[in-house]
């Protein structure tokens, strides 16, 4: 799936200009609401908020949430 450039500070997120240089494949949900753990085409595993996906995706239901502050993440090339 194509991913828009984004930033997410663990509480709020925003879309940035452009599309990321990688594609992503959903692995599973993180413990943060709306944040997926994805395997990316550049070999990096990333946290990606669902609002950043270009195409509409039917993700599985995220049943377990409750974390108020999540892990910051972005589309920039960085290993967490």
C-alpha atoms as a PDB file:
ATOM      1  CA  UNK A   1       0.000   0.000   0.000  1.00  0.00           C
ATOM      2  CA  UNK A   2       1.217   3.495  -0.721  1.00  0.00           C
ATOM      3  CA  UNK A   3       1.741   5.801   2.261  1.00  0.00           C
ATOM      4  CA  UNK A   4       1.540   9.580   2.428  1.00  0.00           C
ATOM      5  CA  UNK A   5       4.327  11.348   4.301  1.00  0.00           C
ATOM      6  CA  UNK A   6       3.195  11.932   7.867  1.00  0.00           C
ATOM      7  CA  UNK A   7       4.244  12.785  11.380  1.00  0.00           C
ATOM      8  CA  UNK A   8       2.658  11.492  14.572  1.00  0.00           C
ATOM      9  CA  UNK A   9       3.769  12.641  18.014  1.00  0.00           C
ATOM     10  CA  UNK A  10       1.987   9.948  20.023  1.00  0.00           C
ATOM     11  CA  UNK A  11      -1.143  12.042  20.517  1.00  0.00           C
ATOM     12  CA  UNK A  12      -1.911  13.840  17.247  1.00  0.00           C
ATOM     13  CA  UNK A  13      -0.756  13.407  13.691  1.00  0.00           C
ATOM     14  CA  UNK A  14      -0.687  15.269  10.421  1.00  0.00           C
ATOM     15  CA  UNK A  15      -0.142  14.548   6.770  1.00  0.00           C
ATOM     16  CA  UNK A  16       2.918  16.090   5.177  1.00  0.00           C
ATOM     17  CA  UNK A  17       3.537  16.887   1.541  1.00  0.00           C
ATOM     18  CA  UNK A  18       4.199  13.997  -0.832  1.00  0.00           C
ATOM     19  CA  UNK A  19       4.182  10.233  -0.760  1.00  0.00           C
ATOM     20  CA  UNK A  20       6.699   8.064   1.095  1.00  0.00           C
ATOM     21  CA  UNK A  21       9.429   6.303  -0.895  1.00  0.00           C
ATOM     22  CA  UNK A  22       8.244   2.917   0.386  1.00  0.00           C
ATOM     23  CA  UNK A  23       5.082   0.842   0.339  1.00  0.00           C
ATOM     24  CA  UNK A  24       3.732  -0.876   3.433  1.00  0.00           C
ATOM     25  CA  UNK A  25       2.032  -4.154   4.275  1.00  0.00           C
ATOM     26  CA  UNK A  26      -0.108  -4.467   7.412  1.00  0.00           C
ATOM     27  CA  UNK A  27       1.270  -6.941   9.966  1.00  0.00           C
ATOM     28  CA  UNK A  28      -0.821  -6.263  13.077  1.00  0.00           C
ATOM     29  CA  UNK A  29      -2.152  -3.494  15.270  1.00  0.00           C
ATOM     30  CA  UNK A  30       0.075  -1.753  17.785  1.00  0.00           C
ATOM     31  CA  UNK A  31      -1.292  -1.020  21.268  1.00  0.00           C
ATOM     32  CA  UNK A  32      -2.108   2.532  20.137  1.00  0.00           C
ATOM     33  CA  UNK A  33      -5.523   3.266  18.591  1.00  0.00           C
ATOM     34  CA  UNK A  34      -5.360   3.525  14.799  1.00  0.00           C
ATOM     35  CA  UNK A  35      -1.630   2.796  14.574  1.00  0.00           C
ATOM     36  CA  UNK A  36      -0.588  -0.251  12.532  1.00  0.00           C
ATOM     37  CA  UNK A  37       2.699  -2.133  12.609  1.00  0.00           C
ATOM     38  CA  UNK A  38       3.730  -2.547   8.975  1.00  0.00           C
ATOM     39  CA  UNK A  39       6.467  -4.239   6.995  1.00  0.00           C
ATOM     40  CA  UNK A  40       7.804  -1.740   4.466  1.00  0.00           C
ATOM     41  CA  UNK A  41       9.315  -2.328   1.037  1.00  0.00           C
ATOM     42  CA  UNK A  42      12.654  -0.825   2.130  1.00  0.00           C
ATOM     43  CA  UNK A  43      13.068  -3.550   4.767  1.00  0.00           C
ATOM     44  CA  UNK A  44      12.076  -1.371   7.737  1.00  0.00           C
ATOM     45  CA  UNK A  45       9.214  -2.257  10.103  1.00  0.00           C
ATOM     46  CA  UNK A  46       7.293   0.939  10.930  1.00  0.00           C
ATOM     47  CA  UNK A  47       4.404   2.210  12.994  1.00  0.00           C
ATOM     48  CA  UNK A  48       1.995   3.853  10.549  1.00  0.00           C
ATOM     49  CA  UNK A  49      -1.257   5.657  11.419  1.00  0.00           C
ATOM     50  CA  UNK A  50      -4.136   4.506   9.263  1.00  0.00           C
ATOM     51  CA  UNK A  51      -4.857   8.077   8.115  1.00  0.00           C
ATOM     52  CA  UNK A  52      -1.562   8.017   6.178  1.00  0.00           C
ATOM     53  CA  UNK A  53      -2.515   5.261   3.730  1.00  0.00           C
ATOM     54  CA  UNK A  54      -3.273   6.541   0.229  1.00  0.00           C
ATOM     55  CA  UNK A  55      -5.818   3.849  -0.622  1.00  0.00           C
ATOM     56  CA  UNK A  56      -8.812   3.021   1.517  1.00  0.00           C
ATOM     57  CA  UNK A  57      -8.025  -0.230   3.298  1.00  0.00           C
ATOM     58  CA  UNK A  58     -10.307  -2.609   5.144  1.00  0.00           C
ATOM     59  CA  UNK A  59      -8.143  -3.308   8.167  1.00  0.00           C
ATOM     60  CA  UNK A  60      -9.163  -5.959  10.688  1.00  0.00           C
ATOM     61  CA  UNK A  61     -11.016  -4.582  13.705  1.00  0.00           C
ATOM     62  CA  UNK A  62      -8.691  -3.243  16.371  1.00  0.00           C
ATOM     63  CA  UNK A  63     -10.242  -4.655  19.503  1.00  0.00           C
ATOM     64  CA  UNK A  64      -7.695  -3.853  22.194  1.00  0.00           C
ATOM     65  CA  UNK A  65      -6.831  -0.194  22.711  1.00  0.00           C
ATOM     66  CA  UNK A  66      -6.590   2.130  25.624  1.00  0.00           C
ATOM     67  CA  UNK A  67      -3.221   3.832  25.401  1.00  0.00           C
ATOM     68  CA  UNK A  68      -3.721   7.595  25.500  1.00  0.00           C
ATOM     69  CA  UNK A  69      -0.205   8.553  24.404  1.00  0.00           C
ATOM     70  CA  UNK A  70       1.362   6.446  21.698  1.00  0.00           C
ATOM     71  CA  UNK A  71       4.835   6.062  20.271  1.00  0.00           C
ATOM     72  CA  UNK A  72       5.910   8.940  18.027  1.00  0.00           C
ATOM     73  CA  UNK A  73       6.536   7.928  14.410  1.00  0.00           C
ATOM     74  CA  UNK A  74       6.943   9.413  10.944  1.00  0.00           C
ATOM     75  CA  UNK A  75       7.414   8.381   7.325  1.00  0.00           C
ATOM     76  CA  UNK A  76      11.052   9.467   7.513  1.00  0.00           C
ATOM     77  CA  UNK A  77      13.649   6.715   7.246  1.00  0.00           C
ATOM     78  CA  UNK A  78      14.291   5.884  10.883  1.00  0.00           C
ATOM     79  CA  UNK A  79      14.377   2.604  12.771  1.00  0.00           C
ATOM     80  CA  UNK A  80      12.463   2.519  16.078  1.00  0.00           C
END
